[in-house]
Amino acid sequence: MKGLLLKDFYMMLKYCRSYVLMAVVFIAISYADSENMFFVFYPCLLCGMIPASLLSYDERSHWLQYSGTLPYTKAQLVSAKYLIGLMTQLVVLLLTAVVQGLRMAHDGSFTAAGFASMLALILLLSMLASAISLPFMFKLGVEKGRAAYYVMIGVICAGGAMGSALLRETALLTGGMQLVLPLLCVAGAGIYVLSWVWSVKLFERREVV
């Protein structure tokens, strides 16, 4: 498993540098433009697409066929994509938290409830973005599973708009909303795990040719 994670990490550095660069740029913009919450949400959502991109490169290079000669199971191949995606999202979430914490402290808008709610929504949407698309791609292949990309883009747009609306309404960040958001995060994590398990089962049934 360590070898698979290293392989995906090196591939990400080589082929997904644009994702990382865009994420950094958007994080920087989010510090200067506090009105448009799209810049806050998009970096982590963008990194949620990295596992799908890595899987696409695996198919193009026929890595999936070659991996059959190595001592890796299909469950490990799937798990590597989910783990690299989760780790990338958490790193970007941490960077976003630092930048937004500094911004909110600088302009005097920092509240524990607002800060926690923002991070909870980012984490929820980024996990959903990966969870929606990956099972289709492991089942059908990247090309046939492209439709999942469109669904994921819809989730990103709708989620970004929803998050922006929620964060602008300070009333929603108090009282019951503080209880709802942790539950949503737990639900998002549960969906991610279920997607992971489902992808393993789908990929084990798929004949890679």
N, C-alpha and C. Protein backbone atom coordinates (compact mmCIF):
# COMPACT_ATOMS: atom_id res chain seq x y z
N MET A 1 0.82 -1.20 0.00
CA MET A 1 0.00 0.00 0.00
C MET A 1 0.86 1.26 0.00
N LYS A 2 1.96 1.22 0.76
CA LYS A 2 2.86 2.38 0.80
C LYS A 2 3.40 2.68 -0.60
N GLY A 3 3.74 1.62 -1.35
CA GLY A 3 4.24 1.82 -2.71
C GLY A 3 3.19 2.46 -3.61
N LEU A 4 1.94 2.05 -3.48
CA LEU A 4 0.87 2.63 -4.29
C LEU A 4 0.66 4.10 -3.96
N LEU A 5 0.71 4.43 -2.68
CA LEU A 5 0.55 5.83 -2.27
C LEU A 5 1.70 6.69 -2.79
N LEU A 6 2.92 6.14 -2.74
CA LEU A 6 4.07 6.88 -3.27
C LEU A 6 3.94 7.07 -4.78
N LYS A 7 3.48 6.03 -5.46
CA LYS A 7 3.28 6.13 -6.90
C LYS A 7 2.29 7.24 -7.24
N ASP A 8 1.16 7.25 -6.53
CA ASP A 8 0.15 8.28 -6.78
C ASP A 8 0.64 9.66 -6.38
N PHE A 9 1.44 9.73 -5.32
CA PHE A 9 1.98 11.02 -4.89
C PHE A 9 2.91 11.60 -5.95
N TYR A 10 3.79 10.75 -6.50
CA TYR A 10 4.70 11.22 -7.55
C TYR A 10 3.93 11.60 -8.82
N MET A 11 2.91 10.82 -9.14
CA MET A 11 2.08 11.16 -10.30
C MET A 11 1.36 12.50 -10.09
N MET A 12 0.90 12.71 -8.86
CA MET A 12 0.22 13.97 -8.56
C MET A 12 1.17 15.15 -8.73
N LEU A 13 2.41 14.99 -8.27
CA LEU A 13 3.39 16.06 -8.42
C LEU A 13 3.70 16.34 -9.89
N LYS A 14 3.67 15.30 -10.71
CA LYS A 14 4.04 15.46 -12.11
C LYS A 14 2.88 15.95 -12.97
N TYR A 15 1.70 15.35 -12.76
CA TYR A 15 0.58 15.61 -13.67
C TYR A 15 -0.49 16.53 -13.09
N CYS A 16 -0.51 16.71 -11.80
CA CYS A 16 -1.58 17.51 -11.17
C CYS A 16 -1.06 18.78 -10.53
N ARG A 17 0.10 19.24 -11.02
CA ARG A 17 0.64 20.48 -10.44
C ARG A 17 -0.28 21.66 -10.68
N SER A 18 -1.02 21.64 -11.79
CA SER A 18 -1.94 22.75 -12.07
C SER A 18 -3.04 22.81 -11.02
N TYR A 19 -3.49 21.64 -10.55
CA TYR A 19 -4.50 21.63 -9.49
C TYR A 19 -3.95 22.30 -8.23
N VAL A 20 -2.73 21.92 -7.86
CA VAL A 20 -2.12 22.47 -6.65
C VAL A 20 -1.90 23.98 -6.80
N LEU A 21 -1.41 24.38 -7.97
CA LEU A 21 -1.16 25.80 -8.21
C LEU A 21 -2.47 26.60 -8.14
N MET A 22 -3.51 26.07 -8.79
CA MET A 22 -4.80 26.75 -8.76
C MET A 22 -5.35 26.84 -7.34
N ALA A 23 -5.16 25.77 -6.58
CA ALA A 23 -5.64 25.77 -5.19
C ALA A 23 -4.94 26.86 -4.38
N VAL A 24 -3.63 26.97 -4.56
CA VAL A 24 -2.86 28.00 -3.83
C VAL A 24 -3.32 29.40 -4.25
N VAL A 25 -3.52 29.59 -5.55
CA VAL A 25 -3.97 30.90 -6.05
C VAL A 25 -5.33 31.26 -5.47
N PHE A 26 -6.25 30.30 -5.48
CA PHE A 26 -7.58 30.58 -4.95
C PHE A 26 -7.55 30.84 -3.45
N ILE A 27 -6.69 30.13 -2.72
CA ILE A 27 -6.56 30.37 -1.28
C ILE A 27 -6.05 31.78 -1.03
N ALA A 28 -5.09 32.21 -1.85
CA ALA A 28 -4.56 33.57 -1.71
C ALA A 28 -5.63 34.61 -2.04
N ILE A 29 -6.40 34.36 -3.09
CA ILE A 29 -7.47 35.29 -3.47
C ILE A 29 -8.53 35.36 -2.38
N SER A 30 -8.80 34.22 -1.75
CA SER A 30 -9.84 34.19 -0.72
C SER A 30 -9.48 35.08 0.47
N TYR A 31 -8.19 35.30 0.68
CA TYR A 31 -7.77 36.20 1.77
C TYR A 31 -8.10 37.65 1.42
N ALA A 32 -7.91 37.99 0.15
CA ALA A 32 -8.14 39.38 -0.27
C ALA A 32 -9.61 39.66 -0.54
N ASP A 33 -10.34 38.66 -1.04
CA ASP A 33 -11.75 38.85 -1.40
C ASP A 33 -12.62 38.05 -0.45
N SER A 34 -13.03 38.67 0.64
CA SER A 34 -13.81 37.97 1.65
C SER A 34 -15.29 37.88 1.29
N GLU A 35 -15.72 38.61 0.26
CA GLU A 35 -17.13 38.63 -0.10
C GLU A 35 -17.53 37.40 -0.92
N ASN A 36 -16.63 36.94 -1.78
CA ASN A 36 -16.94 35.81 -2.66
C ASN A 36 -16.46 34.52 -2.02
N MET A 37 -17.38 33.75 -1.44
CA MET A 37 -17.01 32.53 -0.74
C MET A 37 -16.63 31.39 -1.70
N PHE A 38 -16.87 31.60 -3.00
CA PHE A 38 -16.47 30.58 -3.98
C PHE A 38 -14.97 30.31 -3.89
N PHE A 39 -14.18 31.38 -3.67
CA PHE A 39 -12.73 31.22 -3.59
C PHE A 39 -12.31 30.45 -2.35
N VAL A 40 -13.16 30.44 -1.33
CA VAL A 40 -12.87 29.69 -0.12
C VAL A 40 -13.14 28.21 -0.32
N PHE A 41 -14.26 27.91 -0.98
CA PHE A 41 -14.68 26.52 -1.13
C PHE A 41 -13.94 25.79 -2.25
N TYR A 42 -13.61 26.49 -3.31
CA TYR A 42 -13.14 25.82 -4.52
C TYR A 42 -11.83 25.05 -4.37
N PRO A 43 -10.80 25.56 -3.63
CA PRO A 43 -9.54 24.81 -3.57
C PRO A 43 -9.69 23.38 -3.09
N CYS A 44 -10.43 23.17 -2.02
CA CYS A 44 -10.59 21.81 -1.49
C CYS A 44 -11.44 20.96 -2.43
N LEU A 45 -12.45 21.57 -3.04
CA LEU A 45 -13.26 20.85 -4.01
C LEU A 45 -12.44 20.45 -5.22
N LEU A 46 -11.56 21.35 -5.65
CA LEU A 46 -10.69 21.07 -6.79
C LEU A 46 -9.80 19.87 -6.50
N CYS A 47 -9.24 19.83 -5.30
CA CYS A 47 -8.36 18.72 -4.94
C CYS A 47 -9.14 17.42 -4.80
N GLY A 48 -10.47 17.52 -4.60
CA GLY A 48 -11.27 16.32 -4.58
C GLY A 48 -11.34 15.64 -5.93
N MET A 49 -10.96 16.36 -7.00
CA MET A 49 -10.96 15.78 -8.34
C MET A 49 -9.65 15.04 -8.67
N ILE A 50 -8.63 15.22 -7.83
CA ILE A 50 -7.32 14.64 -8.13
C ILE A 50 -7.37 13.12 -8.26
N PRO A 51 -8.05 12.36 -7.37
CA PRO A 51 -8.09 10.91 -7.53
C PRO A 51 -8.63 10.48 -8.89
N ALA A 52 -9.67 11.17 -9.38
CA ALA A 52 -10.23 10.83 -10.70
C ALA A 52 -9.21 11.09 -11.79
N SER A 53 -8.46 12.17 -11.68
CA SER A 53 -7.42 12.47 -12.68
C SER A 53 -6.32 11.43 -12.65
N LEU A 54 -5.92 11.01 -11.45
CA LEU A 54 -4.89 9.98 -11.33
C LEU A 54 -5.36 8.66 -11.93
N LEU A 55 -6.63 8.34 -11.71
CA LEU A 55 -7.18 7.12 -12.30
C LEU A 55 -7.20 7.20 -13.82
N SER A 56 -7.46 8.39 -14.33
CA SER A 56 -7.44 8.59 -15.78
C SER A 56 -6.05 8.33 -16.35
N TYR A 57 -5.02 8.83 -15.68
CA TYR A 57 -3.65 8.59 -16.15
C TYR A 57 -3.28 7.11 -16.02
N ASP A 58 -3.78 6.45 -14.98
CA ASP A 58 -3.53 5.01 -14.84
C ASP A 58 -4.08 4.24 -16.03
N GLU A 59 -5.29 4.62 -16.47
CA GLU A 59 -5.90 3.91 -17.59
C GLU A 59 -5.16 4.19 -18.89
N ARG A 60 -4.75 5.44 -19.08
CA ARG A 60 -4.03 5.78 -20.31
C ARG A 60 -2.70 5.04 -20.42
N SER A 61 -2.03 4.85 -19.31
CA SER A 61 -0.72 4.19 -19.32
C SER A 61 -0.83 2.69 -19.16
N HIS A 62 -2.07 2.17 -19.10
CA HIS A 62 -2.33 0.73 -18.92
C HIS A 62 -1.76 0.20 -17.60
N TRP A 63 -1.69 1.09 -16.60
CA TRP A 63 -1.19 0.68 -15.29
C TRP A 63 -2.10 -0.37 -14.66
N LEU A 64 -3.41 -0.25 -14.87
CA LEU A 64 -4.34 -1.19 -14.25
C LEU A 64 -4.08 -2.61 -14.71
N GLN A 65 -3.75 -2.77 -16.00
CA GLN A 65 -3.42 -4.10 -16.50
C GLN A 65 -2.09 -4.57 -15.93
N TYR A 66 -1.11 -3.67 -15.91
CA TYR A 66 0.23 -4.02 -15.40
C TYR A 66 0.18 -4.38 -13.92
N SER A 67 -0.67 -3.71 -13.16
CA SER A 67 -0.74 -3.94 -11.72
C SER A 67 -1.19 -5.37 -11.40
N GLY A 68 -1.83 -6.02 -12.38
CA GLY A 68 -2.25 -7.40 -12.18
C GLY A 68 -1.08 -8.35 -12.02
N THR A 69 0.11 -7.94 -12.46
CA THR A 69 1.30 -8.78 -12.32
C THR A 69 2.03 -8.50 -11.00
N LEU A 70 1.55 -7.52 -10.25
CA LEU A 70 2.19 -7.13 -8.99
C LEU A 70 1.37 -7.64 -7.81
N PRO A 71 2.01 -7.72 -6.65
CA PRO A 71 1.30 -8.27 -5.47
C PRO A 71 0.37 -7.26 -4.81
N TYR A 72 -0.51 -6.66 -5.63
CA TYR A 72 -1.50 -5.71 -5.10
C TYR A 72 -2.89 -6.24 -5.42
N THR A 73 -3.79 -6.08 -4.48
CA THR A 73 -5.18 -6.46 -4.73
C THR A 73 -5.93 -5.28 -5.32
N LYS A 74 -7.08 -5.56 -5.90
CA LYS A 74 -7.90 -4.48 -6.44
C LYS A 74 -8.39 -3.57 -5.32
N ALA A 75 -8.61 -4.13 -4.15
CA ALA A 75 -9.03 -3.32 -3.01
C ALA A 75 -7.95 -2.31 -2.65
N GLN A 76 -6.69 -2.71 -2.74
CA GLN A 76 -5.59 -1.79 -2.44
C GLN A 76 -5.46 -0.70 -3.49
N LEU A 77 -5.69 -1.06 -4.76
CA LEU A 77 -5.64 -0.06 -5.83
C LEU A 77 -6.69 1.02 -5.62
N VAL A 78 -7.90 0.58 -5.24
CA VAL A 78 -8.97 1.55 -4.98
C VAL A 78 -8.66 2.37 -3.74
N SER A 79 -8.20 1.71 -2.70
CA SER A 79 -7.94 2.39 -1.43
C SER A 79 -6.87 3.47 -1.58
N ALA A 80 -5.89 3.22 -2.43
CA ALA A 80 -4.83 4.21 -2.63
C ALA A 80 -5.41 5.52 -3.17
N LYS A 81 -6.37 5.42 -4.10
CA LYS A 81 -6.99 6.63 -4.67
C LYS A 81 -7.79 7.39 -3.62
N TYR A 82 -8.53 6.66 -2.81
CA TYR A 82 -9.34 7.31 -1.77
C TYR A 82 -8.44 7.94 -0.70
N LEU A 83 -7.36 7.26 -0.36
CA LEU A 83 -6.48 7.80 0.67
C LEU A 83 -5.72 9.03 0.18
N ILE A 84 -5.22 8.99 -1.06
CA ILE A 84 -4.49 10.15 -1.58
C ILE A 84 -5.42 11.33 -1.72
N GLY A 85 -6.67 11.06 -2.09
CA GLY A 85 -7.65 12.14 -2.18
C GLY A 85 -7.95 12.74 -0.82
N LEU A 86 -8.13 11.89 0.18
CA LEU A 86 -8.43 12.37 1.52
C LEU A 86 -7.27 13.16 2.10
N MET A 87 -6.06 12.67 1.92
CA MET A 87 -4.90 13.38 2.46
C MET A 87 -4.72 14.74 1.79
N THR A 88 -4.92 14.78 0.47
CA THR A 88 -4.80 16.04 -0.25
C THR A 88 -5.85 17.05 0.23
N GLN A 89 -7.07 16.58 0.39
CA GLN A 89 -8.14 17.46 0.85
C GLN A 89 -7.86 17.99 2.25
N LEU A 90 -7.34 17.14 3.12
CA LEU A 90 -7.05 17.57 4.49
C LEU A 90 -5.92 18.61 4.53
N VAL A 91 -4.91 18.42 3.69
CA VAL A 91 -3.81 19.40 3.63
C VAL A 91 -4.33 20.75 3.15
N VAL A 92 -5.14 20.73 2.08
CA VAL A 92 -5.69 21.98 1.56
C VAL A 92 -6.66 22.60 2.57
N LEU A 93 -7.42 21.76 3.26
CA LEU A 93 -8.32 22.27 4.29
C LEU A 93 -7.54 22.96 5.40
N LEU A 94 -6.40 22.39 5.78
CA LEU A 94 -5.56 23.00 6.81
C LEU A 94 -5.03 24.36 6.36
N LEU A 95 -4.55 24.43 5.11
CA LEU A 95 -4.06 25.71 4.58
C LEU A 95 -5.18 26.74 4.52
N THR A 96 -6.36 26.30 4.08
CA THR A 96 -7.52 27.21 4.03
C THR A 96 -7.88 27.70 5.42
N ALA A 97 -7.83 26.79 6.40
CA ALA A 97 -8.16 27.17 7.77
C ALA A 97 -7.20 28.23 8.29
N VAL A 98 -5.90 28.07 8.01
CA VAL A 98 -4.91 29.04 8.47
C VAL A 98 -5.16 30.41 7.83
N VAL A 99 -5.34 30.41 6.50
CA VAL A 99 -5.52 31.68 5.78
C VAL A 99 -6.81 32.36 6.20
N GLN A 100 -7.90 31.60 6.29
CA GLN A 100 -9.18 32.20 6.66
C GLN A 100 -9.21 32.62 8.12
N GLY A 101 -8.51 31.89 8.97
CA GLY A 101 -8.40 32.30 10.36
C GLY A 101 -7.68 33.62 10.49
N LEU A 102 -6.60 33.79 9.73
CA LEU A 102 -5.86 35.06 9.75
C LEU A 102 -6.71 36.19 9.18
N ARG A 103 -7.45 35.89 8.10
CA ARG A 103 -8.30 36.93 7.50
C ARG A 103 -9.38 37.38 8.46
N MET A 104 -10.05 36.41 9.07
CA MET A 104 -11.14 36.73 9.98
C MET A 104 -10.64 37.48 11.21
N ALA A 105 -9.45 37.10 11.68
CA ALA A 105 -8.88 37.80 12.83
C ALA A 105 -8.48 39.22 12.45
N HIS A 106 -7.99 39.39 11.22
CA HIS A 106 -7.55 40.71 10.76
C HIS A 106 -8.71 41.68 10.60
N ASP A 107 -9.83 41.20 10.03
CA ASP A 107 -10.96 42.12 9.81
C ASP A 107 -11.97 42.10 10.95
N GLY A 108 -11.66 41.38 12.02
CA GLY A 108 -12.51 41.39 13.21
C GLY A 108 -13.78 40.60 13.09
N SER A 109 -13.86 39.69 12.13
CA SER A 109 -15.09 38.91 11.92
C SER A 109 -15.00 37.50 12.48
N PHE A 110 -13.92 37.20 13.19
CA PHE A 110 -13.72 35.82 13.66
C PHE A 110 -14.69 35.46 14.76
N THR A 111 -15.39 34.36 14.55
CA THR A 111 -16.19 33.72 15.59
C THR A 111 -15.93 32.22 15.50
N ALA A 112 -15.91 31.57 16.63
CA ALA A 112 -15.64 30.13 16.63
C ALA A 112 -16.70 29.38 15.84
N ALA A 113 -17.97 29.80 15.99
CA ALA A 113 -19.06 29.11 15.28
C ALA A 113 -18.94 29.31 13.77
N GLY A 114 -18.68 30.54 13.34
CA GLY A 114 -18.56 30.82 11.91
C GLY A 114 -17.37 30.11 11.30
N PHE A 115 -16.24 30.10 12.00
CA PHE A 115 -15.03 29.45 11.50
C PHE A 115 -15.24 27.94 11.39
N ALA A 116 -15.80 27.33 12.44
CA ALA A 116 -16.03 25.89 12.42
C ALA A 116 -17.05 25.50 11.36
N SER A 117 -18.07 26.34 11.18
CA SER A 117 -19.10 26.04 10.17
C SER A 117 -18.52 26.08 8.77
N MET A 118 -17.66 27.06 8.51
CA MET A 118 -17.03 27.17 7.21
C MET A 118 -16.19 25.93 6.90
N LEU A 119 -15.35 25.51 7.85
CA LEU A 119 -14.51 24.34 7.64
C LEU A 119 -15.34 23.07 7.48
N ALA A 120 -16.44 22.98 8.25
CA ALA A 120 -17.30 21.80 8.15
C ALA A 120 -17.93 21.69 6.77
N LEU A 121 -18.39 22.82 6.24
CA LEU A 121 -19.00 22.80 4.90
C LEU A 121 -17.98 22.46 3.82
N ILE A 122 -16.77 23.01 3.95
CA ILE A 122 -15.72 22.72 2.97
C ILE A 122 -15.41 21.23 2.97
N LEU A 123 -15.24 20.66 4.16
CA LEU A 123 -14.91 19.24 4.27
C LEU A 123 -16.03 18.38 3.70
N LEU A 124 -17.27 18.74 4.03
CA LEU A 124 -18.42 17.97 3.55
C LEU A 124 -18.49 17.96 2.03
N LEU A 125 -18.38 19.13 1.40
CA LEU A 125 -18.52 19.23 -0.05
C LEU A 125 -17.36 18.55 -0.77
N SER A 126 -16.15 18.67 -0.24
CA SER A 126 -14.99 18.05 -0.90
C SER A 126 -15.09 16.53 -0.86
N MET A 127 -15.58 15.97 0.26
CA MET A 127 -15.74 14.53 0.34
C MET A 127 -16.83 14.04 -0.61
N LEU A 128 -17.92 14.81 -0.71
CA LEU A 128 -19.00 14.42 -1.60
C LEU A 128 -18.57 14.44 -3.05
N ALA A 129 -17.72 15.42 -3.41
CA ALA A 129 -17.26 15.51 -4.81
C ALA A 129 -16.56 14.24 -5.25
N SER A 130 -15.68 13.70 -4.39
CA SER A 130 -14.98 12.45 -4.72
C SER A 130 -15.91 11.26 -4.64
N ALA A 131 -16.74 11.24 -3.61
CA ALA A 131 -17.61 10.09 -3.37
C ALA A 131 -18.60 9.87 -4.50
N ILE A 132 -19.02 10.94 -5.16
CA ILE A 132 -20.00 10.81 -6.25
C ILE A 132 -19.37 10.21 -7.50
N SER A 133 -18.17 10.67 -7.86
CA SER A 133 -17.60 10.31 -9.16
C SER A 133 -16.83 9.00 -9.17
N LEU A 134 -16.10 8.68 -8.11
CA LEU A 134 -15.18 7.54 -8.16
C LEU A 134 -15.85 6.18 -8.37
N PRO A 135 -16.97 5.87 -7.73
CA PRO A 135 -17.57 4.55 -7.98
C PRO A 135 -17.92 4.31 -9.45
N PHE A 136 -18.43 5.34 -10.12
CA PHE A 136 -18.77 5.20 -11.54
C PHE A 136 -17.52 4.93 -12.37
N MET A 137 -16.42 5.59 -12.03
CA MET A 137 -15.20 5.44 -12.81
C MET A 137 -14.53 4.10 -12.57
N PHE A 138 -14.61 3.59 -11.34
CA PHE A 138 -14.06 2.27 -11.08
C PHE A 138 -14.92 1.17 -11.70
N LYS A 139 -16.20 1.44 -11.85
CA LYS A 139 -17.10 0.45 -12.46
C LYS A 139 -17.00 0.47 -13.98
N LEU A 140 -17.08 1.66 -14.57
CA LEU A 140 -17.20 1.79 -16.01
C LEU A 140 -15.92 2.19 -16.72
N GLY A 141 -14.93 2.62 -15.96
CA GLY A 141 -13.75 3.22 -16.59
C GLY A 141 -13.92 4.73 -16.64
N VAL A 142 -12.82 5.44 -16.78
CA VAL A 142 -12.88 6.90 -16.73
C VAL A 142 -13.69 7.48 -17.88
N GLU A 143 -13.47 6.98 -19.09
CA GLU A 143 -14.15 7.55 -20.24
C GLU A 143 -15.66 7.37 -20.15
N LYS A 144 -16.10 6.17 -19.84
CA LYS A 144 -17.54 5.91 -19.74
C LYS A 144 -18.14 6.55 -18.50
N GLY A 145 -17.31 6.76 -17.50
CA GLY A 145 -17.80 7.37 -16.27
C GLY A 145 -17.71 8.88 -16.26
N ARG A 146 -17.45 9.48 -17.42
CA ARG A 146 -17.32 10.93 -17.51
C ARG A 146 -18.57 11.66 -17.02
N ALA A 147 -19.72 11.03 -17.18
CA ALA A 147 -20.96 11.68 -16.75
C ALA A 147 -20.90 12.05 -15.28
N ALA A 148 -20.17 11.26 -14.51
CA ALA A 148 -20.05 11.55 -13.08
C ALA A 148 -19.33 12.87 -12.86
N TYR A 149 -18.43 13.24 -13.79
CA TYR A 149 -17.76 14.53 -13.69
C TYR A 149 -18.77 15.67 -13.74
N TYR A 150 -19.74 15.53 -14.63
CA TYR A 150 -20.74 16.59 -14.76
C TYR A 150 -21.59 16.70 -13.50
N VAL A 151 -21.90 15.54 -12.92
CA VAL A 151 -22.64 15.56 -11.66
C VAL A 151 -21.80 16.23 -10.59
N MET A 152 -20.50 15.91 -10.58
CA MET A 152 -19.60 16.48 -9.58
C MET A 152 -19.49 18.00 -9.75
N ILE A 153 -19.42 18.46 -11.00
CA ILE A 153 -19.38 19.91 -11.25
C ILE A 153 -20.65 20.57 -10.72
N GLY A 154 -21.78 19.90 -10.93
CA GLY A 154 -23.04 20.43 -10.39
C GLY A 154 -23.01 20.51 -8.89
N VAL A 155 -22.44 19.48 -8.25
CA VAL A 155 -22.33 19.49 -6.79
C VAL A 155 -21.45 20.65 -6.33
N ILE A 156 -20.35 20.87 -7.05
CA ILE A 156 -19.44 21.95 -6.69
C ILE A 156 -20.13 23.30 -6.78
N CYS A 157 -20.81 23.53 -7.89
CA CYS A 157 -21.49 24.82 -8.09
C CYS A 157 -22.61 25.01 -7.06
N ALA A 158 -23.44 23.96 -6.92
CA ALA A 158 -24.55 24.07 -5.98
C ALA A 158 -24.05 24.18 -4.55
N GLY A 159 -23.02 23.40 -4.24
CA GLY A 159 -22.47 23.42 -2.89
C GLY A 159 -21.81 24.75 -2.57
N GLY A 160 -21.08 25.29 -3.54
CA GLY A 160 -20.45 26.59 -3.32
C GLY A 160 -21.48 27.68 -3.09
N ALA A 161 -22.56 27.64 -3.88
CA ALA A 161 -23.62 28.64 -3.71
C ALA A 161 -24.31 28.47 -2.36
N MET A 162 -24.56 27.22 -1.99
CA MET A 162 -25.21 26.96 -0.70
C MET A 162 -24.34 27.41 0.45
N GLY A 163 -23.03 27.08 0.35
CA GLY A 163 -22.12 27.46 1.41
C GLY A 163 -22.00 28.97 1.56
N SER A 164 -21.94 29.66 0.43
CA SER A 164 -21.86 31.12 0.47
C SER A 164 -23.10 31.71 1.13
N ALA A 165 -24.26 31.16 0.78
CA ALA A 165 -25.50 31.68 1.36
C ALA A 165 -25.56 31.43 2.86
N LEU A 166 -25.13 30.25 3.27
CA LEU A 166 -25.17 29.93 4.69
C LEU A 166 -24.22 30.79 5.50
N LEU A 167 -23.03 31.00 4.96
CA LEU A 167 -22.04 31.77 5.70
C LEU A 167 -22.37 33.25 5.75
N ARG A 168 -23.16 33.74 4.81
CA ARG A 168 -23.56 35.14 4.85
C ARG A 168 -24.66 35.39 5.87
N GLU A 169 -25.43 34.35 6.16
CA GLU A 169 -26.52 34.49 7.12
C GLU A 169 -26.01 34.10 8.50
N THR A 170 -25.61 35.09 9.29
CA THR A 170 -25.02 34.79 10.60
C THR A 170 -25.99 34.08 11.52
N ALA A 171 -27.27 34.26 11.27
CA ALA A 171 -28.24 33.60 12.13
C ALA A 171 -28.18 32.10 12.00
N LEU A 172 -27.79 31.63 10.82
CA LEU A 172 -27.73 30.20 10.59
C LEU A 172 -26.52 29.57 11.24
N LEU A 173 -25.56 30.38 11.65
CA LEU A 173 -24.34 29.86 12.25
C LEU A 173 -24.46 29.75 13.76
N THR A 174 -25.62 29.99 14.30
CA THR A 174 -25.85 29.89 15.73
C THR A 174 -26.96 28.90 15.99
N GLY A 175 -27.12 28.54 17.24
CA GLY A 175 -28.23 27.68 17.62
C GLY A 175 -28.19 26.34 16.94
N GLY A 176 -29.31 25.99 16.29
CA GLY A 176 -29.45 24.67 15.70
C GLY A 176 -28.44 24.37 14.63
N MET A 177 -27.99 25.39 13.89
CA MET A 177 -27.04 25.15 12.79
C MET A 177 -25.74 24.58 13.30
N GLN A 178 -25.34 24.94 14.52
CA GLN A 178 -24.10 24.42 15.10
C GLN A 178 -24.23 22.92 15.35
N LEU A 179 -25.45 22.44 15.53
CA LEU A 179 -25.66 21.01 15.72
C LEU A 179 -25.80 20.30 14.39
N VAL A 180 -26.38 20.98 13.40
CA VAL A 180 -26.60 20.36 12.09
C VAL A 180 -25.30 20.11 11.35
N LEU A 181 -24.39 21.10 11.37
CA LEU A 181 -23.15 20.98 10.59
C LEU A 181 -22.28 19.80 11.03
N PRO A 182 -22.07 19.56 12.34
CA PRO A 182 -21.31 18.35 12.69
C PRO A 182 -21.97 17.07 12.19
N LEU A 183 -23.31 17.05 12.24
CA LEU A 183 -24.02 15.88 11.73
C LEU A 183 -23.82 15.72 10.23
N LEU A 184 -23.80 16.86 9.51
CA LEU A 184 -23.56 16.81 8.07
C LEU A 184 -22.15 16.30 7.78
N CYS A 185 -21.18 16.70 8.59
CA CYS A 185 -19.80 16.23 8.40
C CYS A 185 -19.71 14.72 8.64
N VAL A 186 -20.40 14.24 9.66
CA VAL A 186 -20.42 12.81 9.92
C VAL A 186 -21.09 12.08 8.75
N ALA A 187 -22.17 12.67 8.24
CA ALA A 187 -22.86 12.07 7.08
C ALA A 187 -21.94 12.06 5.87
N GLY A 188 -21.20 13.18 5.64
CA GLY A 188 -20.27 13.24 4.52
C GLY A 188 -19.18 12.19 4.63
N ALA A 189 -18.63 12.04 5.85
CA ALA A 189 -17.60 11.02 6.07
C ALA A 189 -18.16 9.62 5.84
N GLY A 190 -19.41 9.42 6.29
CA GLY A 190 -20.03 8.12 6.09
C GLY A 190 -20.24 7.82 4.61
N ILE A 191 -20.68 8.82 3.86
CA ILE A 191 -20.87 8.65 2.41
C ILE A 191 -19.54 8.35 1.73
N TYR A 192 -18.47 9.01 2.18
CA TYR A 192 -17.14 8.77 1.61
C TYR A 192 -16.71 7.33 1.84
N VAL A 193 -16.93 6.85 3.07
CA VAL A 193 -16.56 5.46 3.39
C VAL A 193 -17.41 4.48 2.60
N LEU A 194 -18.71 4.74 2.50
CA LEU A 194 -19.58 3.86 1.72
C LEU A 194 -19.19 3.85 0.25
N SER A 195 -18.83 5.04 -0.27
CA SER A 195 -18.36 5.13 -1.65
C SER A 195 -17.09 4.31 -1.84
N TRP A 196 -16.20 4.37 -0.86
CA TRP A 196 -14.94 3.61 -0.87
C TRP A 196 -15.24 2.11 -0.96
N VAL A 197 -16.09 1.64 -0.06
CA VAL A 197 -16.43 0.21 -0.02
C VAL A 197 -17.12 -0.21 -1.32
N TRP A 198 -18.03 0.63 -1.80
CA TRP A 198 -18.75 0.33 -3.04
C TRP A 198 -17.79 0.27 -4.22
N SER A 199 -16.83 1.19 -4.28
CA SER A 199 -15.86 1.20 -5.36
C SER A 199 -15.01 -0.07 -5.35
N VAL A 200 -14.64 -0.52 -4.16
CA VAL A 200 -13.87 -1.76 -4.06
C VAL A 200 -14.66 -2.92 -4.65
N LYS A 201 -15.93 -3.03 -4.27
CA LYS A 201 -16.76 -4.14 -4.76
C LYS A 201 -16.96 -4.05 -6.28
N LEU A 202 -17.20 -2.83 -6.77
CA LEU A 202 -17.41 -2.65 -8.21
C LEU A 202 -16.15 -2.98 -9.00
N PHE A 203 -15.00 -2.55 -8.50
CA PHE A 203 -13.74 -2.76 -9.22
C PHE A 203 -13.33 -4.22 -9.18
N GLU A 204 -13.64 -4.91 -8.09
CA GLU A 204 -13.32 -6.34 -8.01
C GLU A 204 -14.13 -7.15 -9.02
N ARG A 205 -15.32 -6.67 -9.36
CA ARG A 205 -16.14 -7.38 -10.34
C ARG A 205 -15.79 -6.99 -11.78
N ARG A 206 -15.05 -5.92 -11.94
CA ARG A 206 -14.72 -5.43 -13.28
C ARG A 206 -13.54 -6.19 -13.86
N GLU A 207 -13.68 -6.57 -15.11
CA GLU A 207 -12.58 -7.24 -15.81
C GLU A 207 -11.76 -6.16 -16.53
N VAL A 208 -10.52 -6.00 -16.09
CA VAL A 208 -9.64 -4.99 -16.68
C VAL A 208 -8.93 -5.59 -17.86
N VAL A 209 -9.17 -5.02 -19.06
CA VAL A 209 -8.55 -5.55 -20.28
C VAL A 209 -7.78 -4.44 -20.99
